[in-house]
């Protein structure tokens, strides 16, 4: 059977993200690839925009499907022995609230760290 590798795109310039990635690297079972979005080439037709990658966590599954936000986080942790602890975040009833919390946190993180820099690049 062919190995199945998911790729997690993360913000290597964010201390909180870097800490979580260090933990994931230690705990994962060897089938999760880590890609710092600041090291990706701009203009790649297969990647979401740099801004989109900064706004939300992105994971590309081994089949080429993109998973974002809370679902990307749960899928990344599913590559560890602790994945079962994250699965309830996708259950009906919990998922809606958990997604809103994640989206709110991600928006605040982006606005505080990157909004000005991205706006300057576009001008």
PDB file of N, CA and C in Angstrom:
ATOM      1  N   UNK A   1       0.833  -1.180   0.000  1.00  0.00           N
ATOM      2  CA  UNK A   1       0.000   0.000   0.000  1.00  0.00           C
ATOM      3  C   UNK A   1       0.880   1.245   0.000  1.00  0.00           C
ATOM      4  N   UNK A   2       0.529   2.196  -0.824  1.00  0.00           N
ATOM      5  CA  UNK A   2       1.293   3.436  -0.961  1.00  0.00           C
ATOM      6  C   UNK A   2       1.101   4.331   0.272  1.00  0.00           C
ATOM      7  N   UNK A   3       2.196   4.955   0.782  1.00  0.00           N
ATOM      8  CA  UNK A   3       2.046   5.834   1.948  1.00  0.00           C
ATOM      9  C   UNK A   3       1.159   7.039   1.623  1.00  0.00           C
ATOM     10  N   UNK A   4       0.447   7.491   2.612  1.00  0.00           N
ATOM     11  CA  UNK A   4      -0.475   8.612   2.441  1.00  0.00           C
ATOM     12  C   UNK A   4      -0.011   9.759   3.336  1.00  0.00           C
ATOM     13  N   UNK A   5       0.479  10.817   2.709  1.00  0.00           N
ATOM     14  CA  UNK A   5       1.017  11.957   3.436  1.00  0.00           C
ATOM     15  C   UNK A   5       0.116  13.171   3.269  1.00  0.00           C
ATOM     16  N   UNK A   6      -0.291  13.767   4.382  1.00  0.00           N
ATOM     17  CA  UNK A   6      -0.965  15.055   4.369  1.00  0.00           C
ATOM     18  C   UNK A   6       0.105  16.126   4.553  1.00  0.00           C
ATOM     19  N   UNK A   7      -0.149  17.336   4.034  1.00  0.00           N
ATOM     20  CA  UNK A   7       0.790  18.450   4.186  1.00  0.00           C
ATOM     21  C   UNK A   7       0.108  19.583   4.924  1.00  0.00           C
ATOM     22  N   UNK A   8       0.690  19.992   6.034  1.00  0.00           N
ATOM     23  CA  UNK A   8       0.163  21.079   6.847  1.00  0.00           C
ATOM     24  C   UNK A   8       0.960  22.345   6.549  1.00  0.00           C
ATOM     25  N   UNK A   9       0.269  23.396   6.139  1.00  0.00           N
ATOM     26  CA  UNK A   9       0.890  24.688   5.861  1.00  0.00           C
ATOM     27  C   UNK A   9       0.708  25.558   7.102  1.00  0.00           C
ATOM     28  N   UNK A  10       1.816  26.060   7.625  1.00  0.00           N
ATOM     29  CA  UNK A  10       1.763  26.803   8.888  1.00  0.00           C
ATOM     30  C   UNK A  10       2.586  28.080   8.783  1.00  0.00           C
ATOM     31  N   UNK A  11       2.327  29.002   9.706  1.00  0.00           N
ATOM     32  CA  UNK A  11       3.017  30.281   9.774  1.00  0.00           C
ATOM     33  C   UNK A  11       4.255  30.127  10.645  1.00  0.00           C
ATOM     34  N   UNK A  12       5.410  29.983  10.023  1.00  0.00           N
ATOM     35  CA  UNK A  12       6.659  29.798  10.750  1.00  0.00           C
ATOM     36  C   UNK A  12       7.137  31.037  11.471  1.00  0.00           C
ATOM     37  N   UNK A  13       6.487  32.193  11.246  1.00  0.00           N
ATOM     38  CA  UNK A  13       6.868  33.425  11.933  1.00  0.00           C
ATOM     39  C   UNK A  13       5.993  33.715  13.148  1.00  0.00           C
ATOM     40  N   UNK A  14       5.065  32.832  13.428  1.00  0.00           N
ATOM     41  CA  UNK A  14       4.161  32.999  14.571  1.00  0.00           C
ATOM     42  C   UNK A  14       4.657  32.113  15.716  1.00  0.00           C
ATOM     43  N   UNK A  15       5.024  32.695  16.849  1.00  0.00           N
ATOM     44  CA  UNK A  15       5.540  31.891  17.967  1.00  0.00           C
ATOM     45  C   UNK A  15       4.543  30.828  18.449  1.00  0.00           C
ATOM     46  N   UNK A  16       3.271  31.167  18.504  1.00  0.00           N
ATOM     47  CA  UNK A  16       2.265  30.191  18.938  1.00  0.00           C
ATOM     48  C   UNK A  16       2.174  29.032  17.947  1.00  0.00           C
ATOM     49  N   UNK A  17       2.150  29.359  16.648  1.00  0.00           N
ATOM     50  CA  UNK A  17       2.097  28.324  15.611  1.00  0.00           C
ATOM     51  C   UNK A  17       3.345  27.450  15.664  1.00  0.00           C
ATOM     52  N   UNK A  18       4.509  28.082  15.809  1.00  0.00           N
ATOM     53  CA  UNK A  18       5.773  27.338  15.839  1.00  0.00           C
ATOM     54  C   UNK A  18       5.808  26.359  17.007  1.00  0.00           C
ATOM     55  N   UNK A  19       5.259  26.768  18.136  1.00  0.00           N
ATOM     56  CA  UNK A  19       5.228  25.882  19.311  1.00  0.00           C
ATOM     57  C   UNK A  19       4.329  24.668  19.041  1.00  0.00           C
ATOM     58  N   UNK A  20       3.156  24.915  18.431  1.00  0.00           N
ATOM     59  CA  UNK A  20       2.262  23.794  18.133  1.00  0.00           C
ATOM     60  C   UNK A  20       2.888  22.865  17.100  1.00  0.00           C
ATOM     61  N   UNK A  21       3.585  23.423  16.114  1.00  0.00           N
ATOM     62  CA  UNK A  21       4.230  22.601  15.078  1.00  0.00           C
ATOM     63  C   UNK A  21       5.333  21.750  15.710  1.00  0.00           C
ATOM     64  N   UNK A  22       6.106  22.314  16.631  1.00  0.00           N
ATOM     65  CA  UNK A  22       7.139  21.517  17.321  1.00  0.00           C
ATOM     66  C   UNK A  22       6.501  20.323  18.033  1.00  0.00           C
ATOM     67  N   UNK A  23       5.369  20.563  18.678  1.00  0.00           N
ATOM     68  CA  UNK A  23       4.668  19.480  19.377  1.00  0.00           C
ATOM     69  C   UNK A  23       4.157  18.446  18.379  1.00  0.00           C
ATOM     70  N   UNK A  24       3.542  18.899  17.296  1.00  0.00           N
ATOM     71  CA  UNK A  24       3.041  17.976  16.270  1.00  0.00           C
ATOM     72  C   UNK A  24       4.177  17.155  15.663  1.00  0.00           C
ATOM     73  N   UNK A  25       5.305  17.806  15.392  1.00  0.00           N
ATOM     74  CA  UNK A  25       6.458  17.080  14.819  1.00  0.00           C
ATOM     75  C   UNK A  25       6.901  15.943  15.740  1.00  0.00           C
ATOM     76  N   UNK A  26       6.922  16.199  17.051  1.00  0.00           N
ATOM     77  CA  UNK A  26       7.350  15.179  18.009  1.00  0.00           C
ATOM     78  C   UNK A  26       6.356  14.027  18.100  1.00  0.00           C
ATOM     79  N   UNK A  27       5.081  14.355  18.030  1.00  0.00           N
ATOM     80  CA  UNK A  27       4.040  13.355  18.283  1.00  0.00           C
ATOM     81  C   UNK A  27       3.531  12.634  17.043  1.00  0.00           C
ATOM     82  N   UNK A  28       3.691  13.227  15.880  1.00  0.00           N
ATOM     83  CA  UNK A  28       3.095  12.631  14.679  1.00  0.00           C
ATOM     84  C   UNK A  28       3.750  11.307  14.331  1.00  0.00           C
ATOM     85  N   UNK A  29       3.043  10.522  13.554  1.00  0.00           N
ATOM     86  CA  UNK A  29       3.470   9.153  13.245  1.00  0.00           C
ATOM     87  C   UNK A  29       4.249   9.047  11.935  1.00  0.00           C
ATOM     88  N   UNK A  30       4.702  10.155  11.391  1.00  0.00           N
ATOM     89  CA  UNK A  30       5.550  10.109  10.208  1.00  0.00           C
ATOM     90  C   UNK A  30       4.845  10.326   8.885  1.00  0.00           C
ATOM     91  N   UNK A  31       3.556  10.596   8.890  1.00  0.00           N
ATOM     92  CA  UNK A  31       2.864  10.784   7.620  1.00  0.00           C
ATOM     93  C   UNK A  31       2.245  12.177   7.498  1.00  0.00           C
ATOM     94  N   UNK A  32       2.809  13.120   8.224  1.00  0.00           N
ATOM     95  CA  UNK A  32       2.391  14.518   8.134  1.00  0.00           C
ATOM     96  C   UNK A  32       3.607  15.347   7.751  1.00  0.00           C
ATOM     97  N   UNK A  33       3.492  16.051   6.641  1.00  0.00           N
ATOM     98  CA  UNK A  33       4.567  16.907   6.149  1.00  0.00           C
ATOM     99  C   UNK A  33       4.264  18.338   6.578  1.00  0.00           C
ATOM    100  N   UNK A  34       5.280  19.075   6.978  1.00  0.00           N
ATOM    101  CA  UNK A  34       5.117  20.446   7.445  1.00  0.00           C
ATOM    102  C   UNK A  34       5.721  21.406   6.432  1.00  0.00           C
ATOM    103  N   UNK A  35       4.946  22.436   6.053  1.00  0.00           N
ATOM    104  CA  UNK A  35       5.402  23.415   5.073  1.00  0.00           C
ATOM    105  C   UNK A  35       5.191  24.822   5.628  1.00  0.00           C
ATOM    106  N   UNK A  36       6.297  25.520   5.877  1.00  0.00           N
ATOM    107  CA  UNK A  36       6.225  26.908   6.337  1.00  0.00           C
ATOM    108  C   UNK A  36       5.762  27.764   5.160  1.00  0.00           C
ATOM    109  N   UNK A  37       4.674  28.483   5.325  1.00  0.00           N
ATOM    110  CA  UNK A  37       4.119  29.247   4.196  1.00  0.00           C
ATOM    111  C   UNK A  37       5.042  30.369   3.751  1.00  0.00           C
ATOM    112  N   UNK A  38       5.933  30.810   4.617  1.00  0.00           N
ATOM    113  CA  UNK A  38       6.869  31.875   4.241  1.00  0.00           C
ATOM    114  C   UNK A  38       7.998  31.348   3.354  1.00  0.00           C
ATOM    115  N   UNK A  39       8.102  30.045   3.235  1.00  0.00           N
ATOM    116  CA  UNK A  39       9.123  29.440   2.375  1.00  0.00           C
ATOM    117  C   UNK A  39       8.539  28.926   1.066  1.00  0.00           C
ATOM    118  N   UNK A  40       7.247  29.134   0.846  1.00  0.00           N
ATOM    119  CA  UNK A  40       6.592  28.679  -0.381  1.00  0.00           C
ATOM    120  C   UNK A  40       6.770  29.734  -1.466  1.00  0.00           C
ATOM    121  N   UNK A  41       6.852  29.291  -2.684  1.00  0.00           N
ATOM    122  CA  UNK A  41       6.990  30.220  -3.804  1.00  0.00           C
ATOM    123  C   UNK A  41       5.679  30.935  -4.070  1.00  0.00           C
ATOM    124  N   UNK A  42       5.767  32.252  -4.264  1.00  0.00           N
ATOM    125  CA  UNK A  42       4.586  33.015  -4.659  1.00  0.00           C
ATOM    126  C   UNK A  42       4.216  32.649  -6.089  1.00  0.00           C
ATOM    127  N   UNK A  43       2.929  32.658  -6.360  1.00  0.00           N
ATOM    128  CA  UNK A  43       2.471  32.419  -7.724  1.00  0.00           C
ATOM    129  C   UNK A  43       2.255  30.964  -8.075  1.00  0.00           C
ATOM    130  N   UNK A  44       2.453  30.052  -7.144  1.00  0.00           N
ATOM    131  CA  UNK A  44       2.209  28.646  -7.439  1.00  0.00           C
ATOM    132  C   UNK A  44       0.720  28.452  -7.662  1.00  0.00           C
ATOM    133  N   UNK A  45       0.365  27.866  -8.788  1.00  0.00           N
ATOM    134  CA  UNK A  45      -1.047  27.715  -9.124  1.00  0.00           C
ATOM    135  C   UNK A  45      -1.737  26.670  -8.259  1.00  0.00           C
ATOM    136  N   UNK A  46      -0.973  25.849  -7.573  1.00  0.00           N
ATOM    137  CA  UNK A  46      -1.587  24.801  -6.764  1.00  0.00           C
ATOM    138  C   UNK A  46      -1.850  25.249  -5.327  1.00  0.00           C
ATOM    139  N   UNK A  47      -1.251  26.360  -4.910  1.00  0.00           N
ATOM    140  CA  UNK A  47      -1.422  26.838  -3.542  1.00  0.00           C
ATOM    141  C   UNK A  47      -2.454  27.959  -3.473  1.00  0.00           C
ATOM    142  N   UNK A  48      -3.179  28.023  -2.359  1.00  0.00           N
ATOM    143  CA  UNK A  48      -4.006  29.211  -2.126  1.00  0.00           C
ATOM    144  C   UNK A  48      -3.107  30.438  -2.039  1.00  0.00           C
ATOM    145  N   UNK A  49      -3.682  31.610  -2.068  1.00  0.00           N
ATOM    146  CA  UNK A  49      -2.882  32.837  -1.985  1.00  0.00           C
ATOM    147  C   UNK A  49      -2.133  32.886  -0.651  1.00  0.00           C
ATOM    148  N   UNK A  50      -1.063  33.663  -0.645  1.00  0.00           N
ATOM    149  CA  UNK A  50      -0.267  33.826   0.571  1.00  0.00           C
ATOM    150  C   UNK A  50      -1.149  34.381   1.692  1.00  0.00           C
ATOM    151  N   UNK A  51      -1.999  35.340   1.353  1.00  0.00           N
ATOM    152  CA  UNK A  51      -2.899  35.927   2.353  1.00  0.00           C
ATOM    153  C   UNK A  51      -3.859  34.872   2.913  1.00  0.00           C
ATOM    154  N   UNK A  52      -4.428  34.039   2.042  1.00  0.00           N
ATOM    155  CA  UNK A  52      -5.343  32.991   2.510  1.00  0.00           C
ATOM    156  C   UNK A  52      -4.620  32.032   3.454  1.00  0.00           C
ATOM    157  N   UNK A  53      -3.380  31.691   3.125  1.00  0.00           N
ATOM    158  CA  UNK A  53      -2.596  30.796   3.983  1.00  0.00           C
ATOM    159  C   UNK A  53      -2.317  31.427   5.347  1.00  0.00           C
ATOM    160  N   UNK A  54      -2.149  32.758   5.359  1.00  0.00           N
ATOM    161  CA  UNK A  54      -1.914  33.455   6.622  1.00  0.00           C
ATOM    162  C   UNK A  54      -3.189  33.572   7.458  1.00  0.00           C
ATOM    163  N   UNK A  55      -4.322  33.687   6.789  1.00  0.00           N
ATOM    164  CA  UNK A  55      -5.592  33.897   7.494  1.00  0.00           C
ATOM    165  C   UNK A  55      -6.093  32.648   8.213  1.00  0.00           C
ATOM    166  N   UNK A  56      -5.894  31.491   7.615  1.00  0.00           N
ATOM    167  CA  UNK A  56      -6.420  30.243   8.168  1.00  0.00           C
ATOM    168  C   UNK A  56      -5.402  29.128   8.000  1.00  0.00           C
ATOM    169  N   UNK A  57      -5.430  28.192   8.919  1.00  0.00           N
ATOM    170  CA  UNK A  57      -4.609  26.996   8.801  1.00  0.00           C
ATOM    171  C   UNK A  57      -5.086  26.196   7.593  1.00  0.00           C
ATOM    172  N   UNK A  58      -4.162  25.739   6.773  1.00  0.00           N
ATOM    173  CA  UNK A  58      -4.489  24.944   5.583  1.00  0.00           C
ATOM    174  C   UNK A  58      -3.755  23.609   5.631  1.00  0.00           C
ATOM    175  N   UNK A  59      -4.454  22.570   5.222  1.00  0.00           N
ATOM    176  CA  UNK A  59      -3.871  21.245   5.118  1.00  0.00           C
ATOM    177  C   UNK A  59      -4.314  20.648   3.786  1.00  0.00           C
ATOM    178  N   UNK A  60      -3.342  20.131   3.033  1.00  0.00           N
ATOM    179  CA  UNK A  60      -3.670  19.440   1.796  1.00  0.00           C
ATOM    180  C   UNK A  60      -3.584  17.943   2.085  1.00  0.00           C
ATOM    181  N   UNK A  61      -4.698  17.253   1.846  1.00  0.00           N
ATOM    182  CA  UNK A  61      -4.738  15.822   2.124  1.00  0.00           C
ATOM    183  C   UNK A  61      -3.930  15.075   1.073  1.00  0.00           C
ATOM    184  N   UNK A  62      -3.677  13.819   1.343  1.00  0.00           N
ATOM    185  CA  UNK A  62      -2.905  12.987   0.423  1.00  0.00           C
ATOM    186  C   UNK A  62      -3.615  12.840  -0.919  1.00  0.00           C
ATOM    187  N   UNK A  63      -4.937  13.108  -0.974  1.00  0.00           N
ATOM    188  CA  UNK A  63      -5.687  13.030  -2.242  1.00  0.00           C
ATOM    189  C   UNK A  63      -5.693  14.357  -2.988  1.00  0.00           C
ATOM    190  N   UNK A  64      -5.115  15.410  -2.389  1.00  0.00           N
ATOM    191  CA  UNK A  64      -5.084  16.720  -3.028  1.00  0.00           C
ATOM    192  C   UNK A  64      -6.211  17.643  -2.607  1.00  0.00           C
ATOM    193  N   UNK A  65      -7.050  17.208  -1.682  1.00  0.00           N
ATOM    194  CA  UNK A  65      -8.155  18.036  -1.188  1.00  0.00           C
ATOM    195  C   UNK A  65      -7.623  19.020  -0.144  1.00  0.00           C
ATOM    196  N   UNK A  66      -8.135  20.262  -0.181  1.00  0.00           N
ATOM    197  CA  UNK A  66      -7.757  21.264   0.802  1.00  0.00           C
ATOM    198  C   UNK A  66      -8.739  21.252   1.959  1.00  0.00           C
ATOM    199  N   UNK A  67      -8.214  21.266   3.175  1.00  0.00           N
ATOM    200  CA  UNK A  67      -8.997  21.355   4.397  1.00  0.00           C
ATOM    201  C   UNK A  67      -8.468  22.583   5.127  1.00  0.00           C
ATOM    202  N   UNK A  68      -9.379  23.417   5.646  1.00  0.00           N
ATOM    203  CA  UNK A  68      -8.931  24.657   6.284  1.00  0.00           C
ATOM    204  C   UNK A  68      -9.512  24.815   7.683  1.00  0.00           C
ATOM    205  N   UNK A  69      -8.907  25.762   8.408  1.00  0.00           N
ATOM    206  CA  UNK A  69      -9.423  26.158   9.709  1.00  0.00           C
ATOM    207  C   UNK A  69      -9.408  25.042  10.729  1.00  0.00           C
ATOM    208  N   UNK A  70     -10.506  24.977  11.473  1.00  0.00           N
ATOM    209  CA  UNK A  70     -10.634  23.990  12.538  1.00  0.00           C
ATOM    210  C   UNK A  70     -10.493  22.569  12.002  1.00  0.00           C
ATOM    211  N   UNK A  71     -11.062  22.294  10.832  1.00  0.00           N
ATOM    212  CA  UNK A  71     -10.969  20.950  10.260  1.00  0.00           C
ATOM    213  C   UNK A  71      -9.520  20.584   9.942  1.00  0.00           C
ATOM    214  N   UNK A  72      -8.727  21.556   9.496  1.00  0.00           N
ATOM    215  CA  UNK A  72      -7.311  21.298   9.228  1.00  0.00           C
ATOM    216  C   UNK A  72      -6.579  20.970  10.529  1.00  0.00           C
ATOM    217  N   UNK A  73      -6.919  21.692  11.587  1.00  0.00           N
ATOM    218  CA  UNK A  73      -6.288  21.442  12.874  1.00  0.00           C
ATOM    219  C   UNK A  73      -6.622  20.043  13.380  1.00  0.00           C
ATOM    220  N   UNK A  74      -7.885  19.671  13.306  1.00  0.00           N
ATOM    221  CA  UNK A  74      -8.299  18.340  13.756  1.00  0.00           C
ATOM    222  C   UNK A  74      -7.618  17.260  12.921  1.00  0.00           C
ATOM    223  N   UNK A  75      -7.557  17.473  11.606  1.00  0.00           N
ATOM    224  CA  UNK A  75      -6.920  16.467  10.741  1.00  0.00           C
ATOM    225  C   UNK A  75      -5.426  16.354  11.057  1.00  0.00           C
ATOM    226  N   UNK A  76      -4.750  17.485  11.290  1.00  0.00           N
ATOM    227  CA  UNK A  76      -3.325  17.437  11.635  1.00  0.00           C
ATOM    228  C   UNK A  76      -3.110  16.636  12.917  1.00  0.00           C
ATOM    229  N   UNK A  77      -3.925  16.895  13.921  1.00  0.00           N
ATOM    230  CA  UNK A  77      -3.781  16.175  15.191  1.00  0.00           C
ATOM    231  C   UNK A  77      -4.175  14.717  15.065  1.00  0.00           C
ATOM    232  N   UNK A  78      -4.943  14.368  14.027  1.00  0.00           N
ATOM    233  CA  UNK A  78      -5.308  12.959  13.832  1.00  0.00           C
ATOM    234  C   UNK A  78      -4.083  12.110  13.477  1.00  0.00           C
ATOM    235  N   UNK A  79      -2.980  12.751  13.129  1.00  0.00           N
ATOM    236  CA  UNK A  79      -1.730  12.055  12.820  1.00  0.00           C
ATOM    237  C   UNK A  79      -0.924  11.744  14.084  1.00  0.00           C
ATOM    238  N   UNK A  80      -1.511  12.034  15.239  1.00  0.00           N
ATOM    239  CA  UNK A  80      -0.843  11.785  16.518  1.00  0.00           C
ATOM    240  C   UNK A  80      -1.677  10.820  17.354  1.00  0.00           C
ATOM    241  N   UNK A  81      -1.115  10.289  18.419  1.00  0.00           N
ATOM    242  CA  UNK A  81      -1.903   9.428  19.306  1.00  0.00           C
ATOM    243  C   UNK A  81      -3.033  10.175  20.027  1.00  0.00           C
ATOM    244  N   UNK A  82      -3.025  11.519  19.971  1.00  0.00           N
ATOM    245  CA  UNK A  82      -4.021  12.322  20.679  1.00  0.00           C
ATOM    246  C   UNK A  82      -5.137  12.831  19.777  1.00  0.00           C
ATOM    247  N   UNK A  83      -5.179  12.352  18.555  1.00  0.00           N
ATOM    248  CA  UNK A  83      -6.196  12.797  17.606  1.00  0.00           C
ATOM    249  C   UNK A  83      -7.620  12.611  18.103  1.00  0.00           C
ATOM    250  N   UNK A  84      -7.846  11.553  18.858  1.00  0.00           N
ATOM    251  CA  UNK A  84      -9.198  11.285  19.364  1.00  0.00           C
ATOM    252  C   UNK A  84      -9.705  12.417  20.253  1.00  0.00           C
ATOM    253  N   UNK A  85      -8.799  13.167  20.881  1.00  0.00           N
ATOM    254  CA  UNK A  85      -9.206  14.279  21.742  1.00  0.00           C
ATOM    255  C   UNK A  85      -9.757  15.457  20.933  1.00  0.00           C
ATOM    256  N   UNK A  86      -9.379  15.557  19.669  1.00  0.00           N
ATOM    257  CA  UNK A  86      -9.794  16.673  18.827  1.00  0.00           C
ATOM    258  C   UNK A  86     -11.049  16.369  18.011  1.00  0.00           C
ATOM    259  N   UNK A  87     -11.336  15.092  17.770  1.00  0.00           N
ATOM    260  CA  UNK A  87     -12.492  14.706  16.949  1.00  0.00           C
ATOM    261  C   UNK A  87     -13.822  15.276  17.426  1.00  0.00           C
ATOM    262  N   UNK A  88     -14.073  15.367  18.727  1.00  0.00           N
ATOM    263  CA  UNK A  88     -15.359  15.932  19.160  1.00  0.00           C
ATOM    264  C   UNK A  88     -15.600  17.366  18.668  1.00  0.00           C
ATOM    265  N   UNK A  89     -14.532  18.084  18.321  1.00  0.00           N
ATOM    266  CA  UNK A  89     -14.704  19.447  17.798  1.00  0.00           C
ATOM    267  C   UNK A  89     -15.455  19.458  16.467  1.00  0.00           C
ATOM    268  N   UNK A  90     -15.552  18.319  15.808  1.00  0.00           N
ATOM    269  CA  UNK A  90     -16.274  18.223  14.533  1.00  0.00           C
ATOM    270  C   UNK A  90     -17.687  17.661  14.690  1.00  0.00           C
ATOM    271  N   UNK A  91     -18.068  17.282  15.893  1.00  0.00           N
ATOM    272  CA  UNK A  91     -19.399  16.731  16.119  1.00  0.00           C
ATOM    273  C   UNK A  91     -20.457  17.821  15.964  1.00  0.00           C
ATOM    274  N   UNK A  92     -21.617  17.455  15.425  1.00  0.00           N
ATOM    275  CA  UNK A  92     -22.723  18.428  15.348  1.00  0.00           C
ATOM    276  C   UNK A  92     -23.017  18.975  16.749  1.00  0.00           C
ATOM    277  N   UNK A  93     -23.342  20.224  16.803  1.00  0.00           N
ATOM    278  CA  UNK A  93     -23.598  20.860  18.091  1.00  0.00           C
ATOM    279  C   UNK A  93     -22.359  21.500  18.673  1.00  0.00           C
ATOM    280  N   UNK A  94     -21.244  20.821  18.584  1.00  0.00           N
ATOM    281  CA  UNK A  94     -19.976  21.371  19.070  1.00  0.00           C
ATOM    282  C   UNK A  94     -19.258  22.097  17.933  1.00  0.00           C
ATOM    283  N   UNK A  95     -19.344  21.541  16.721  1.00  0.00           N
ATOM    284  CA  UNK A  95     -18.595  22.071  15.589  1.00  0.00           C
ATOM    285  C   UNK A  95     -18.907  23.541  15.301  1.00  0.00           C
ATOM    286  N   UNK A  96     -20.168  23.922  15.323  1.00  0.00           N
ATOM    287  CA  UNK A  96     -20.531  25.308  15.024  1.00  0.00           C
ATOM    288  C   UNK A  96     -19.875  26.285  15.978  1.00  0.00           C
ATOM    289  N   UNK A  97     -19.968  26.010  17.259  1.00  0.00           N
ATOM    290  CA  UNK A  97     -19.372  26.888  18.266  1.00  0.00           C
ATOM    291  C   UNK A  97     -17.852  26.876  18.170  1.00  0.00           C
ATOM    292  N   UNK A  98     -17.269  25.689  18.063  1.00  0.00           N
ATOM    293  CA  UNK A  98     -15.805  25.575  17.970  1.00  0.00           C
ATOM    294  C   UNK A  98     -15.287  26.301  16.731  1.00  0.00           C
ATOM    295  N   UNK A  99     -16.004  26.205  15.611  1.00  0.00           N
ATOM    296  CA  UNK A  99     -15.590  26.897  14.382  1.00  0.00           C
ATOM    297  C   UNK A  99     -15.633  28.406  14.557  1.00  0.00           C
ATOM    298  N   UNK A 100     -16.679  28.914  15.198  1.00  0.00           N
ATOM    299  CA  UNK A 100     -16.778  30.365  15.421  1.00  0.00           C
ATOM    300  C   UNK A 100     -15.637  30.851  16.303  1.00  0.00           C
ATOM    301  N   UNK A 101     -15.318  30.084  17.329  1.00  0.00           N
ATOM    302  CA  UNK A 101     -14.208  30.460  18.213  1.00  0.00           C
ATOM    303  C   UNK A 101     -12.902  30.473  17.427  1.00  0.00           C
ATOM    304  N   UNK A 102     -12.662  29.424  16.623  1.00  0.00           N
ATOM    305  CA  UNK A 102     -11.439  29.369  15.823  1.00  0.00           C
ATOM    306  C   UNK A 102     -11.382  30.545  14.848  1.00  0.00           C
ATOM    307  N   UNK A 103     -12.468  30.803  14.125  1.00  0.00           N
ATOM    308  CA  UNK A 103     -12.496  31.879  13.129  1.00  0.00           C
ATOM    309  C   UNK A 103     -12.226  33.233  13.792  1.00  0.00           C
ATOM    310  N   UNK A 104     -12.834  33.466  14.948  1.00  0.00           N
ATOM    311  CA  UNK A 104     -12.632  34.722  15.668  1.00  0.00           C
ATOM    312  C   UNK A 104     -11.167  34.863  16.069  1.00  0.00           C
ATOM    313  N   UNK A 105     -10.585  33.803  16.621  1.00  0.00           N
ATOM    314  CA  UNK A 105      -9.177  33.839  17.015  1.00  0.00           C
ATOM    315  C   UNK A 105      -8.279  34.068  15.802  1.00  0.00           C
ATOM    316  N   UNK A 106      -8.542  33.353  14.701  1.00  0.00           N
ATOM    317  CA  UNK A 106      -7.708  33.477  13.501  1.00  0.00           C
ATOM    318  C   UNK A 106      -7.783  34.884  12.917  1.00  0.00           C
ATOM    319  N   UNK A 107      -8.978  35.473  12.905  1.00  0.00           N
ATOM    320  CA  UNK A 107      -9.121  36.838  12.395  1.00  0.00           C
ATOM    321  C   UNK A 107      -8.332  37.829  13.241  1.00  0.00           C
ATOM    322  N   UNK A 108      -8.422  37.702  14.552  1.00  0.00           N
ATOM    323  CA  UNK A 108      -7.690  38.614  15.440  1.00  0.00           C
ATOM    324  C   UNK A 108      -6.183  38.440  15.276  1.00  0.00           C
ATOM    325  N   UNK A 109      -5.727  37.209  15.176  1.00  0.00           N
ATOM    326  CA  UNK A 109      -4.304  36.941  14.989  1.00  0.00           C
ATOM    327  C   UNK A 109      -3.814  37.560  13.691  1.00  0.00           C
ATOM    328  N   UNK A 110      -4.569  37.366  12.620  1.00  0.00           N
ATOM    329  CA  UNK A 110      -4.184  37.914  11.318  1.00  0.00           C
ATOM    330  C   UNK A 110      -4.171  39.444  11.361  1.00  0.00           C
ATOM    331  N   UNK A 111      -5.228  40.048  11.879  1.00  0.00           N
ATOM    332  CA  UNK A 111      -5.324  41.510  11.902  1.00  0.00           C
ATOM    333  C   UNK A 111      -4.195  42.137  12.708  1.00  0.00           C
ATOM    334  N   UNK A 112      -3.825  41.510  13.792  1.00  0.00           N
ATOM    335  CA  UNK A 112      -2.754  42.068  14.628  1.00  0.00           C
ATOM    336  C   UNK A 112      -1.376  41.903  14.001  1.00  0.00           C
ATOM    337  N   UNK A 113      -1.193  40.835  13.245  1.00  0.00           N
ATOM    338  CA  UNK A 113       0.147  40.524  12.755  1.00  0.00           C
ATOM    339  C   UNK A 113       0.376  40.897  11.297  1.00  0.00           C
ATOM    340  N   UNK A 114      -0.645  40.737  10.427  1.00  0.00           N
ATOM    341  CA  UNK A 114      -0.386  40.804   8.996  1.00  0.00           C
ATOM    342  C   UNK A 114      -1.216  41.785   8.182  1.00  0.00           C
ATOM    343  N   UNK A 115      -2.352  42.211   8.662  1.00  0.00           N
ATOM    344  CA  UNK A 115      -3.245  43.011   7.826  1.00  0.00           C
ATOM    345  C   UNK A 115      -2.529  44.201   7.203  1.00  0.00           C
ATOM    346  N   UNK A 116      -1.756  44.936   7.968  1.00  0.00           N
ATOM    347  CA  UNK A 116      -1.067  46.117   7.437  1.00  0.00           C
ATOM    348  C   UNK A 116      -0.041  45.734   6.384  1.00  0.00           C
ATOM    349  N   UNK A 117       0.720  44.695   6.616  1.00  0.00           N
ATOM    350  CA  UNK A 117       1.755  44.265   5.676  1.00  0.00           C
ATOM    351  C   UNK A 117       1.141  43.810   4.354  1.00  0.00           C
ATOM    352  N   UNK A 118       0.063  43.058   4.399  1.00  0.00           N
ATOM    353  CA  UNK A 118      -0.591  42.588   3.186  1.00  0.00           C
ATOM    354  C   UNK A 118      -1.169  43.771   2.420  1.00  0.00           C
ATOM    355  N   UNK A 119      -1.811  44.706   3.130  1.00  0.00           N
ATOM    356  CA  UNK A 119      -2.386  45.873   2.475  1.00  0.00           C
ATOM    357  C   UNK A 119      -1.315  46.703   1.783  1.00  0.00           C
ATOM    358  N   UNK A 120      -0.138  46.818   2.369  1.00  0.00           N
ATOM    359  CA  UNK A 120       0.954  47.582   1.741  1.00  0.00           C
ATOM    360  C   UNK A 120       1.441  46.902   0.477  1.00  0.00           C
ATOM    361  N   UNK A 121       1.504  45.553   0.471  1.00  0.00           N
ATOM    362  CA  UNK A 121       1.945  44.831  -0.716  1.00  0.00           C
ATOM    363  C   UNK A 121       0.990  45.035  -1.875  1.00  0.00           C
ATOM    364  N   UNK A 122      -0.321  45.074  -1.585  1.00  0.00           N
ATOM    365  CA  UNK A 122      -1.333  45.202  -2.632  1.00  0.00           C
ATOM    366  C   UNK A 122      -1.331  46.603  -3.230  1.00  0.00           C
ATOM    367  N   UNK A 123      -0.915  47.607  -2.477  1.00  0.00           N
ATOM    368  CA  UNK A 123      -0.950  49.005  -2.957  1.00  0.00           C
ATOM    369  C   UNK A 123       0.120  49.293  -3.975  1.00  0.00           C
TER     370      UNK A 123
END
